[in-house]
Amino acid sequence: MKYSDSRVDIIRDCLLCGGSKQEAAAKAGITLATFYNWAKCHSAFREMLEDVDASVCVDHANNYKHHEELHRKRQKQKGVGYVYLLHCQGTEYFKIGISKSSPMKRLSAIQSGCPLEINMVHTSYCNHYSLVESILHDLYASRHVRGEWFDMTGVDVQEIVDAMDTYATAQIGLF
């Protein structure tokens, strides 16, 4: 929905009369997501919200990106597949990745582009493979090198395997 001063006036009047952000958005003919997007993208809209003492709306709009990320993770929770751990021989580099059907085919595709030998260390089959991958990437974020590759110098490989199995078998109901 296109940003317009007339819609902003409707929202301001509704909020000044004690209406909620949902009511204000509905009266202006926009969705709540559009309301938050305007608060995030238009400084004049944010200033209006601050003027009517709707700081909760401003705070929520600033965190809207976080909510969108949670929604994407919620969507990732669904799906059956593999989380795998690859090792680039002669280095401390490991790849944490996913495959819907065949980790060995994925290994073959990765190997064809790498001059060093790559070995499959471990695979875990789970109902929420993409979410498990995201969790593992977050867990080892400080060791991130590039893409899905991590420098695991000083990390016991069994620790990584245990983390994979723990999250792969967990009943994840975070959302």
N, C-alpha and C. Protein backbone atom coordinates (compact mmCIF):
# COMPACT_ATOMS: atom_id res chain seq x y z
N MET A 1 0.85 -1.17 0.00
CA MET A 1 0.00 0.00 0.00
C MET A 1 0.90 1.24 0.00
N LYS A 2 0.55 2.18 -0.84
CA LYS A 2 1.35 3.39 -0.98
C LYS A 2 1.17 4.30 0.23
N TYR A 3 2.28 4.84 0.68
CA TYR A 3 2.30 5.76 1.80
C TYR A 3 1.60 7.05 1.38
N SER A 4 0.68 7.54 2.22
CA SER A 4 0.00 8.80 1.89
C SER A 4 -0.31 9.57 3.16
N ASP A 5 -0.29 10.90 3.03
CA ASP A 5 -0.56 11.77 4.18
C ASP A 5 -1.98 11.58 4.71
N SER A 6 -2.94 11.31 3.82
CA SER A 6 -4.32 11.14 4.28
C SER A 6 -4.45 9.89 5.15
N ARG A 7 -3.76 8.82 4.81
CA ARG A 7 -3.79 7.60 5.63
C ARG A 7 -3.09 7.86 6.97
N VAL A 8 -2.00 8.61 6.93
CA VAL A 8 -1.28 8.93 8.17
C VAL A 8 -2.18 9.75 9.09
N ASP A 9 -2.96 10.69 8.52
CA ASP A 9 -3.88 11.50 9.33
C ASP A 9 -4.94 10.62 10.00
N ILE A 10 -5.45 9.66 9.27
CA ILE A 10 -6.46 8.73 9.83
C ILE A 10 -5.84 7.94 10.99
N ILE A 11 -4.63 7.45 10.79
CA ILE A 11 -3.95 6.68 11.83
C ILE A 11 -3.71 7.55 13.06
N ARG A 12 -3.20 8.77 12.84
CA ARG A 12 -2.93 9.68 13.96
C ARG A 12 -4.21 9.95 14.75
N ASP A 13 -5.31 10.28 14.05
CA ASP A 13 -6.58 10.59 14.74
C ASP A 13 -7.07 9.40 15.55
N CYS A 14 -6.95 8.22 15.00
CA CYS A 14 -7.39 7.01 15.70
C CYS A 14 -6.55 6.78 16.96
N LEU A 15 -5.23 6.92 16.82
CA LEU A 15 -4.35 6.71 17.98
C LEU A 15 -4.58 7.78 19.05
N LEU A 16 -4.81 9.02 18.62
CA LEU A 16 -5.07 10.10 19.59
C LEU A 16 -6.37 9.87 20.36
N CYS A 17 -7.30 9.15 19.75
CA CYS A 17 -8.57 8.85 20.41
C CYS A 17 -8.51 7.55 21.21
N GLY A 18 -7.30 7.01 21.36
CA GLY A 18 -7.13 5.82 22.19
C GLY A 18 -7.23 4.52 21.44
N GLY A 19 -7.31 4.56 20.13
CA GLY A 19 -7.40 3.33 19.35
C GLY A 19 -6.06 2.59 19.34
N SER A 20 -6.16 1.32 19.10
CA SER A 20 -4.94 0.50 19.02
C SER A 20 -4.31 0.65 17.65
N LYS A 21 -3.08 0.18 17.52
CA LYS A 21 -2.42 0.23 16.22
C LYS A 21 -3.16 -0.62 15.19
N GLN A 22 -3.75 -1.74 15.64
CA GLN A 22 -4.52 -2.58 14.73
C GLN A 22 -5.75 -1.82 14.22
N GLU A 23 -6.45 -1.15 15.14
CA GLU A 23 -7.63 -0.38 14.74
C GLU A 23 -7.25 0.75 13.80
N ALA A 24 -6.14 1.43 14.12
CA ALA A 24 -5.70 2.56 13.30
C ALA A 24 -5.34 2.08 11.89
N ALA A 25 -4.63 0.97 11.81
CA ALA A 25 -4.26 0.43 10.49
C ALA A 25 -5.50 0.05 9.70
N ALA A 26 -6.45 -0.61 10.35
CA ALA A 26 -7.68 -1.03 9.68
C ALA A 26 -8.47 0.18 9.18
N LYS A 27 -8.58 1.23 10.00
CA LYS A 27 -9.32 2.43 9.59
C LYS A 27 -8.64 3.13 8.42
N ALA A 28 -7.33 3.01 8.34
CA ALA A 28 -6.59 3.63 7.23
C ALA A 28 -6.56 2.73 6.00
N GLY A 29 -7.08 1.51 6.15
CA GLY A 29 -7.14 0.60 5.02
C GLY A 29 -5.81 -0.05 4.68
N ILE A 30 -4.98 -0.25 5.71
CA ILE A 30 -3.69 -0.90 5.50
C ILE A 30 -3.57 -2.08 6.46
N THR A 31 -2.63 -2.96 6.17
CA THR A 31 -2.39 -4.09 7.06
C THR A 31 -1.47 -3.64 8.19
N LEU A 32 -1.41 -4.42 9.23
CA LEU A 32 -0.52 -4.13 10.34
C LEU A 32 0.94 -4.22 9.88
N ALA A 33 1.24 -5.13 8.98
CA ALA A 33 2.60 -5.24 8.44
C ALA A 33 2.99 -3.95 7.71
N THR A 34 2.05 -3.37 6.96
CA THR A 34 2.32 -2.10 6.27
C THR A 34 2.53 -0.99 7.29
N PHE A 35 1.73 -0.99 8.35
CA PHE A 35 1.89 -0.01 9.43
C PHE A 35 3.31 -0.04 9.97
N TYR A 36 3.81 -1.26 10.29
CA TYR A 36 5.16 -1.39 10.84
C TYR A 36 6.22 -1.03 9.79
N ASN A 37 5.96 -1.38 8.55
CA ASN A 37 6.91 -1.04 7.50
C ASN A 37 7.02 0.48 7.34
N TRP A 38 5.89 1.17 7.40
CA TRP A 38 5.93 2.64 7.33
C TRP A 38 6.71 3.20 8.51
N ALA A 39 6.49 2.64 9.68
CA ALA A 39 7.20 3.13 10.88
C ALA A 39 8.70 2.90 10.75
N LYS A 40 9.06 1.85 10.05
CA LYS A 40 10.47 1.53 9.87
C LYS A 40 11.09 2.41 8.78
N CYS A 41 10.33 2.73 7.73
CA CYS A 41 10.90 3.36 6.54
C CYS A 41 10.66 4.86 6.41
N HIS A 42 9.68 5.40 7.08
CA HIS A 42 9.31 6.81 6.90
C HIS A 42 9.50 7.58 8.20
N SER A 43 10.47 8.47 8.20
CA SER A 43 10.76 9.23 9.43
C SER A 43 9.58 10.09 9.86
N ALA A 44 8.83 10.65 8.92
CA ALA A 44 7.67 11.47 9.28
C ALA A 44 6.61 10.63 10.01
N PHE A 45 6.45 9.39 9.58
CA PHE A 45 5.49 8.50 10.24
C PHE A 45 5.95 8.17 11.66
N ARG A 46 7.26 7.87 11.81
CA ARG A 46 7.80 7.61 13.15
C ARG A 46 7.61 8.82 14.06
N GLU A 47 7.86 10.01 13.54
CA GLU A 47 7.70 11.23 14.35
C GLU A 47 6.24 11.40 14.77
N MET A 48 5.31 11.10 13.88
CA MET A 48 3.89 11.19 14.22
C MET A 48 3.56 10.21 15.35
N LEU A 49 4.09 8.99 15.25
CA LEU A 49 3.83 8.01 16.29
C LEU A 49 4.39 8.49 17.64
N GLU A 50 5.57 9.07 17.60
CA GLU A 50 6.16 9.60 18.83
C GLU A 50 5.33 10.75 19.38
N ASP A 51 4.81 11.56 18.49
CA ASP A 51 4.00 12.71 18.91
C ASP A 51 2.71 12.28 19.61
N VAL A 52 2.14 11.16 19.21
CA VAL A 52 0.91 10.69 19.87
C VAL A 52 1.22 9.69 20.98
N ASP A 53 2.50 9.67 21.37
CA ASP A 53 2.93 8.82 22.48
C ASP A 53 2.64 7.35 22.21
N ALA A 54 2.95 6.93 21.00
CA ALA A 54 2.76 5.53 20.63
C ALA A 54 4.13 4.86 20.52
N SER A 55 4.96 5.08 21.50
CA SER A 55 6.32 4.57 21.44
C SER A 55 6.38 3.05 21.37
N VAL A 56 5.39 2.38 21.88
CA VAL A 56 5.37 0.92 21.78
C VAL A 56 5.33 0.51 20.31
N CYS A 57 4.58 1.26 19.53
CA CYS A 57 4.52 0.97 18.10
C CYS A 57 5.87 1.17 17.45
N VAL A 58 6.56 2.25 17.84
CA VAL A 58 7.87 2.53 17.26
C VAL A 58 8.85 1.43 17.64
N ASP A 59 8.85 1.03 18.91
CA ASP A 59 9.74 -0.04 19.34
C ASP A 59 9.45 -1.32 18.57
N HIS A 60 8.17 -1.63 18.41
CA HIS A 60 7.82 -2.85 17.70
C HIS A 60 8.25 -2.77 16.23
N ALA A 61 8.08 -1.60 15.64
CA ALA A 61 8.49 -1.43 14.24
C ALA A 61 9.99 -1.62 14.09
N ASN A 62 10.75 -1.12 15.05
CA ASN A 62 12.20 -1.29 14.99
C ASN A 62 12.59 -2.76 15.10
N ASN A 63 11.75 -3.54 15.77
CA ASN A 63 12.03 -4.97 15.93
C ASN A 63 11.31 -5.83 14.89
N TYR A 64 10.63 -5.20 13.96
CA TYR A 64 9.84 -5.95 12.98
C TYR A 64 10.72 -6.89 12.16
N LYS A 65 11.93 -6.44 11.82
CA LYS A 65 12.84 -7.30 11.06
C LYS A 65 13.12 -8.58 11.85
N HIS A 66 13.29 -8.43 13.18
CA HIS A 66 13.52 -9.60 14.02
C HIS A 66 12.33 -10.55 13.93
N HIS A 67 11.11 -10.01 13.94
CA HIS A 67 9.91 -10.85 13.86
C HIS A 67 9.83 -11.55 12.51
N GLU A 68 10.24 -10.85 11.44
CA GLU A 68 10.26 -11.48 10.13
C GLU A 68 11.25 -12.65 10.11
N GLU A 69 12.40 -12.49 10.76
CA GLU A 69 13.39 -13.56 10.83
C GLU A 69 12.84 -14.75 11.60
N LEU A 70 12.12 -14.47 12.70
CA LEU A 70 11.51 -15.57 13.45
C LEU A 70 10.49 -16.32 12.59
N HIS A 71 9.74 -15.57 11.79
CA HIS A 71 8.77 -16.21 10.91
C HIS A 71 9.48 -17.12 9.90
N ARG A 72 10.59 -16.65 9.33
CA ARG A 72 11.34 -17.48 8.39
C ARG A 72 11.85 -18.74 9.08
N LYS A 73 12.33 -18.59 10.33
CA LYS A 73 12.81 -19.77 11.06
C LYS A 73 11.65 -20.72 11.35
N ARG A 74 10.47 -20.17 11.62
CA ARG A 74 9.30 -21.00 11.87
C ARG A 74 8.98 -21.81 10.62
N GLN A 75 9.10 -21.19 9.45
CA GLN A 75 8.86 -21.89 8.20
C GLN A 75 9.93 -22.96 7.99
N LYS A 76 11.17 -22.66 8.38
CA LYS A 76 12.26 -23.62 8.23
C LYS A 76 12.07 -24.84 9.14
N GLN A 77 11.29 -24.67 10.18
CA GLN A 77 11.09 -25.76 11.13
C GLN A 77 10.47 -26.97 10.43
N LYS A 78 9.74 -26.72 9.36
CA LYS A 78 9.06 -27.79 8.65
C LYS A 78 9.99 -28.39 7.60
N GLY A 79 9.89 -29.68 7.39
CA GLY A 79 10.64 -30.32 6.32
C GLY A 79 11.58 -31.40 6.83
N VAL A 80 11.66 -32.46 6.07
CA VAL A 80 12.49 -33.60 6.41
C VAL A 80 13.71 -33.60 5.50
N GLY A 81 14.88 -33.83 6.10
CA GLY A 81 16.10 -33.87 5.31
C GLY A 81 17.30 -34.15 6.19
N TYR A 82 18.48 -33.92 5.65
CA TYR A 82 19.74 -34.20 6.34
C TYR A 82 20.49 -32.92 6.69
N VAL A 83 21.10 -32.93 7.84
CA VAL A 83 22.12 -31.96 8.21
C VAL A 83 23.43 -32.74 8.13
N TYR A 84 24.45 -32.16 7.47
CA TYR A 84 25.69 -32.90 7.34
C TYR A 84 26.87 -32.05 7.79
N LEU A 85 27.95 -32.74 8.11
CA LEU A 85 29.21 -32.11 8.51
C LEU A 85 30.30 -32.65 7.59
N LEU A 86 30.94 -31.74 6.86
CA LEU A 86 32.04 -32.10 5.97
C LEU A 86 33.33 -31.53 6.53
N HIS A 87 34.45 -32.21 6.21
CA HIS A 87 35.77 -31.73 6.63
C HIS A 87 36.66 -31.62 5.41
N CYS A 88 37.34 -30.49 5.28
CA CYS A 88 38.31 -30.28 4.22
C CYS A 88 39.65 -30.78 4.73
N GLN A 89 40.08 -31.92 4.21
CA GLN A 89 41.27 -32.62 4.69
C GLN A 89 42.51 -31.72 4.64
N GLY A 90 43.32 -31.80 5.71
CA GLY A 90 44.54 -31.01 5.81
C GLY A 90 44.31 -29.62 6.36
N THR A 91 43.05 -29.32 6.73
CA THR A 91 42.70 -28.01 7.30
C THR A 91 41.84 -28.23 8.53
N GLU A 92 41.49 -27.15 9.15
CA GLU A 92 40.53 -27.19 10.27
C GLU A 92 39.16 -26.68 9.82
N TYR A 93 38.93 -26.66 8.50
CA TYR A 93 37.68 -26.16 7.95
C TYR A 93 36.63 -27.27 7.86
N PHE A 94 35.45 -26.94 8.37
CA PHE A 94 34.31 -27.84 8.34
C PHE A 94 33.14 -27.10 7.73
N LYS A 95 32.30 -27.83 7.02
CA LYS A 95 31.09 -27.27 6.42
C LYS A 95 29.88 -27.88 7.10
N ILE A 96 29.00 -27.02 7.59
CA ILE A 96 27.72 -27.46 8.15
C ILE A 96 26.67 -27.09 7.12
N GLY A 97 26.04 -28.12 6.53
CA GLY A 97 25.08 -27.87 5.47
C GLY A 97 23.89 -28.79 5.55
N ILE A 98 23.02 -28.67 4.55
CA ILE A 98 21.80 -29.48 4.51
C ILE A 98 21.60 -30.07 3.12
N SER A 99 20.85 -31.14 3.09
CA SER A 99 20.47 -31.77 1.83
C SER A 99 19.09 -32.38 2.02
N LYS A 100 18.22 -32.11 1.09
CA LYS A 100 16.85 -32.64 1.18
C LYS A 100 16.84 -34.16 1.02
N SER A 101 17.71 -34.69 0.13
CA SER A 101 17.61 -36.12 -0.13
C SER A 101 18.92 -36.91 -0.02
N SER A 102 20.04 -36.36 -0.50
CA SER A 102 21.25 -37.17 -0.53
C SER A 102 22.50 -36.37 -0.17
N PRO A 103 22.98 -36.50 1.05
CA PRO A 103 24.20 -35.80 1.44
C PRO A 103 25.41 -36.24 0.60
N MET A 104 25.43 -37.49 0.15
CA MET A 104 26.57 -37.96 -0.64
C MET A 104 26.61 -37.29 -2.02
N LYS A 105 25.45 -37.03 -2.60
CA LYS A 105 25.42 -36.29 -3.86
C LYS A 105 25.90 -34.86 -3.63
N ARG A 106 25.52 -34.30 -2.51
CA ARG A 106 25.96 -32.95 -2.17
C ARG A 106 27.48 -32.93 -2.00
N LEU A 107 28.02 -33.93 -1.30
CA LEU A 107 29.47 -34.05 -1.13
C LEU A 107 30.17 -34.11 -2.49
N SER A 108 29.63 -34.89 -3.39
CA SER A 108 30.22 -35.03 -4.72
C SER A 108 30.24 -33.70 -5.46
N ALA A 109 29.16 -32.95 -5.36
CA ALA A 109 29.08 -31.65 -6.03
C ALA A 109 30.09 -30.67 -5.43
N ILE A 110 30.24 -30.68 -4.12
CA ILE A 110 31.19 -29.78 -3.46
C ILE A 110 32.62 -30.20 -3.78
N GLN A 111 32.88 -31.51 -3.78
CA GLN A 111 34.22 -32.02 -4.05
C GLN A 111 34.71 -31.62 -5.44
N SER A 112 33.80 -31.60 -6.40
CA SER A 112 34.22 -31.29 -7.78
C SER A 112 34.79 -29.88 -7.91
N GLY A 113 34.46 -28.98 -6.99
CA GLY A 113 34.98 -27.62 -7.05
C GLY A 113 36.10 -27.33 -6.09
N CYS A 114 36.62 -28.36 -5.43
CA CYS A 114 37.65 -28.15 -4.41
C CYS A 114 38.88 -29.01 -4.71
N PRO A 115 40.07 -28.42 -4.71
CA PRO A 115 41.28 -29.21 -4.99
C PRO A 115 41.70 -30.11 -3.83
N LEU A 116 41.19 -29.83 -2.63
CA LEU A 116 41.52 -30.65 -1.46
C LEU A 116 40.44 -31.72 -1.28
N GLU A 117 40.83 -32.82 -0.66
CA GLU A 117 39.88 -33.90 -0.38
C GLU A 117 38.88 -33.44 0.67
N ILE A 118 37.62 -33.73 0.43
CA ILE A 118 36.57 -33.40 1.39
C ILE A 118 35.93 -34.71 1.84
N ASN A 119 35.79 -34.86 3.15
CA ASN A 119 35.24 -36.09 3.73
C ASN A 119 33.94 -35.81 4.46
N MET A 120 33.01 -36.76 4.34
CA MET A 120 31.78 -36.70 5.11
C MET A 120 32.11 -37.17 6.52
N VAL A 121 31.88 -36.32 7.50
CA VAL A 121 32.16 -36.66 8.89
C VAL A 121 30.92 -37.27 9.55
N HIS A 122 29.77 -36.64 9.29
CA HIS A 122 28.55 -37.08 9.97
C HIS A 122 27.33 -36.55 9.24
N THR A 123 26.24 -37.31 9.32
CA THR A 123 24.94 -36.83 8.84
C THR A 123 23.89 -37.11 9.91
N SER A 124 22.90 -36.26 9.97
CA SER A 124 21.75 -36.47 10.86
C SER A 124 20.49 -36.25 10.05
N TYR A 125 19.61 -37.21 10.08
CA TYR A 125 18.32 -37.11 9.39
C TYR A 125 17.30 -36.58 10.39
N CYS A 126 16.57 -35.55 10.00
CA CYS A 126 15.61 -34.98 10.96
C CYS A 126 14.42 -34.33 10.27
N ASN A 127 13.41 -34.05 11.06
CA ASN A 127 12.17 -33.46 10.57
C ASN A 127 12.25 -31.95 10.39
N HIS A 128 13.29 -31.32 10.85
CA HIS A 128 13.42 -29.86 10.82
C HIS A 128 14.85 -29.48 10.46
N TYR A 129 15.33 -30.09 9.38
CA TYR A 129 16.74 -30.00 9.01
C TYR A 129 17.24 -28.58 8.78
N SER A 130 16.42 -27.74 8.16
CA SER A 130 16.86 -26.38 7.86
C SER A 130 17.00 -25.56 9.14
N LEU A 131 16.10 -25.77 10.07
CA LEU A 131 16.19 -25.06 11.35
C LEU A 131 17.40 -25.54 12.14
N VAL A 132 17.66 -26.83 12.13
CA VAL A 132 18.84 -27.37 12.83
C VAL A 132 20.11 -26.76 12.25
N GLU A 133 20.17 -26.66 10.93
CA GLU A 133 21.33 -26.03 10.30
C GLU A 133 21.50 -24.58 10.79
N SER A 134 20.40 -23.83 10.84
CA SER A 134 20.47 -22.43 11.32
C SER A 134 20.96 -22.36 12.77
N ILE A 135 20.49 -23.28 13.59
CA ILE A 135 20.91 -23.30 14.99
C ILE A 135 22.41 -23.59 15.09
N LEU A 136 22.88 -24.57 14.33
CA LEU A 136 24.31 -24.91 14.35
C LEU A 136 25.16 -23.76 13.82
N HIS A 137 24.69 -23.09 12.77
CA HIS A 137 25.42 -21.93 12.26
C HIS A 137 25.50 -20.84 13.33
N ASP A 138 24.41 -20.62 14.05
CA ASP A 138 24.41 -19.64 15.14
C ASP A 138 25.36 -20.06 16.25
N LEU A 139 25.35 -21.34 16.57
CA LEU A 139 26.19 -21.87 17.65
C LEU A 139 27.68 -21.65 17.36
N TYR A 140 28.07 -21.78 16.10
CA TYR A 140 29.48 -21.63 15.73
C TYR A 140 29.75 -20.34 14.94
N ALA A 141 28.90 -19.35 15.11
CA ALA A 141 29.02 -18.10 14.35
C ALA A 141 30.37 -17.42 14.54
N SER A 142 30.96 -17.52 15.72
CA SER A 142 32.25 -16.87 15.97
C SER A 142 33.38 -17.53 15.17
N ARG A 143 33.12 -18.71 14.62
CA ARG A 143 34.13 -19.45 13.85
C ARG A 143 33.85 -19.42 12.35
N HIS A 144 32.84 -18.65 11.97
CA HIS A 144 32.43 -18.58 10.56
C HIS A 144 33.54 -18.02 9.70
N VAL A 145 33.78 -18.67 8.54
CA VAL A 145 34.80 -18.23 7.60
C VAL A 145 34.14 -17.64 6.35
N ARG A 146 33.32 -18.46 5.70
CA ARG A 146 32.66 -18.04 4.48
C ARG A 146 31.57 -19.04 4.14
N GLY A 147 30.42 -18.52 3.70
CA GLY A 147 29.32 -19.40 3.34
C GLY A 147 28.93 -20.28 4.52
N GLU A 148 29.05 -21.57 4.33
CA GLU A 148 28.73 -22.53 5.39
C GLU A 148 29.98 -23.17 5.98
N TRP A 149 31.13 -22.55 5.75
CA TRP A 149 32.41 -23.09 6.22
C TRP A 149 32.83 -22.41 7.52
N PHE A 150 33.36 -23.23 8.43
CA PHE A 150 33.75 -22.77 9.76
C PHE A 150 35.16 -23.27 10.08
N ASP A 151 35.95 -22.42 10.73
CA ASP A 151 37.28 -22.81 11.19
C ASP A 151 37.10 -23.37 12.60
N MET A 152 37.23 -24.67 12.73
CA MET A 152 36.98 -25.35 14.00
C MET A 152 38.27 -25.68 14.74
N THR A 153 39.31 -24.87 14.57
CA THR A 153 40.57 -25.07 15.28
C THR A 153 40.30 -25.14 16.78
N GLY A 154 40.76 -26.21 17.41
CA GLY A 154 40.60 -26.36 18.85
C GLY A 154 39.27 -26.93 19.29
N VAL A 155 38.37 -27.19 18.35
CA VAL A 155 37.06 -27.76 18.70
C VAL A 155 37.11 -29.26 18.47
N ASP A 156 36.66 -30.01 19.45
CA ASP A 156 36.58 -31.46 19.31
C ASP A 156 35.46 -31.78 18.32
N VAL A 157 35.77 -32.52 17.29
CA VAL A 157 34.79 -32.86 16.26
C VAL A 157 33.59 -33.57 16.89
N GLN A 158 33.83 -34.37 17.91
CA GLN A 158 32.72 -35.07 18.56
C GLN A 158 31.72 -34.08 19.17
N GLU A 159 32.21 -32.93 19.62
CA GLU A 159 31.32 -31.88 20.16
C GLU A 159 30.35 -31.41 19.07
N ILE A 160 30.84 -31.25 17.85
CA ILE A 160 29.99 -30.81 16.74
C ILE A 160 28.97 -31.89 16.40
N VAL A 161 29.45 -33.14 16.32
CA VAL A 161 28.58 -34.27 16.02
C VAL A 161 27.49 -34.40 17.08
N ASP A 162 27.87 -34.28 18.35
CA ASP A 162 26.89 -34.36 19.44
C ASP A 162 25.85 -33.26 19.33
N ALA A 163 26.30 -32.04 19.01
CA ALA A 163 25.36 -30.93 18.85
C ALA A 163 24.40 -31.21 17.70
N MET A 164 24.92 -31.73 16.59
CA MET A 164 24.06 -32.08 15.45
C MET A 164 22.99 -33.07 15.86
N ASP A 165 23.41 -34.14 16.53
CA ASP A 165 22.47 -35.19 16.93
C ASP A 165 21.47 -34.68 17.97
N THR A 166 21.94 -33.86 18.88
CA THR A 166 21.05 -33.31 19.91
C THR A 166 19.93 -32.50 19.28
N TYR A 167 20.30 -31.57 18.40
CA TYR A 167 19.28 -30.73 17.79
C TYR A 167 18.44 -31.49 16.77
N ALA A 168 19.04 -32.46 16.10
CA ALA A 168 18.29 -33.24 15.10
C ALA A 168 17.21 -34.10 15.74
N THR A 169 17.44 -34.56 16.97
CA THR A 169 16.46 -35.43 17.63
C THR A 169 15.56 -34.67 18.59
N ALA A 170 15.83 -33.38 18.79
CA ALA A 170 15.02 -32.59 19.73
C ALA A 170 13.63 -32.34 19.17
N GLN A 171 12.69 -32.25 20.04
CA GLN A 171 11.33 -31.87 19.68
C GLN A 171 11.30 -30.35 19.72
N ILE A 172 11.57 -29.72 18.58
CA ILE A 172 11.70 -28.27 18.55
C ILE A 172 10.33 -27.67 18.42
N GLY A 173 9.92 -26.97 19.46
CA GLY A 173 8.64 -26.30 19.48
C GLY A 173 8.80 -24.87 19.94
N LEU A 174 9.84 -24.23 19.48
CA LEU A 174 10.15 -22.87 19.91
C LEU A 174 9.11 -21.88 19.43
N PHE A 175 8.40 -22.21 18.35
CA PHE A 175 7.51 -21.23 17.75
C PHE A 175 6.09 -21.73 17.82
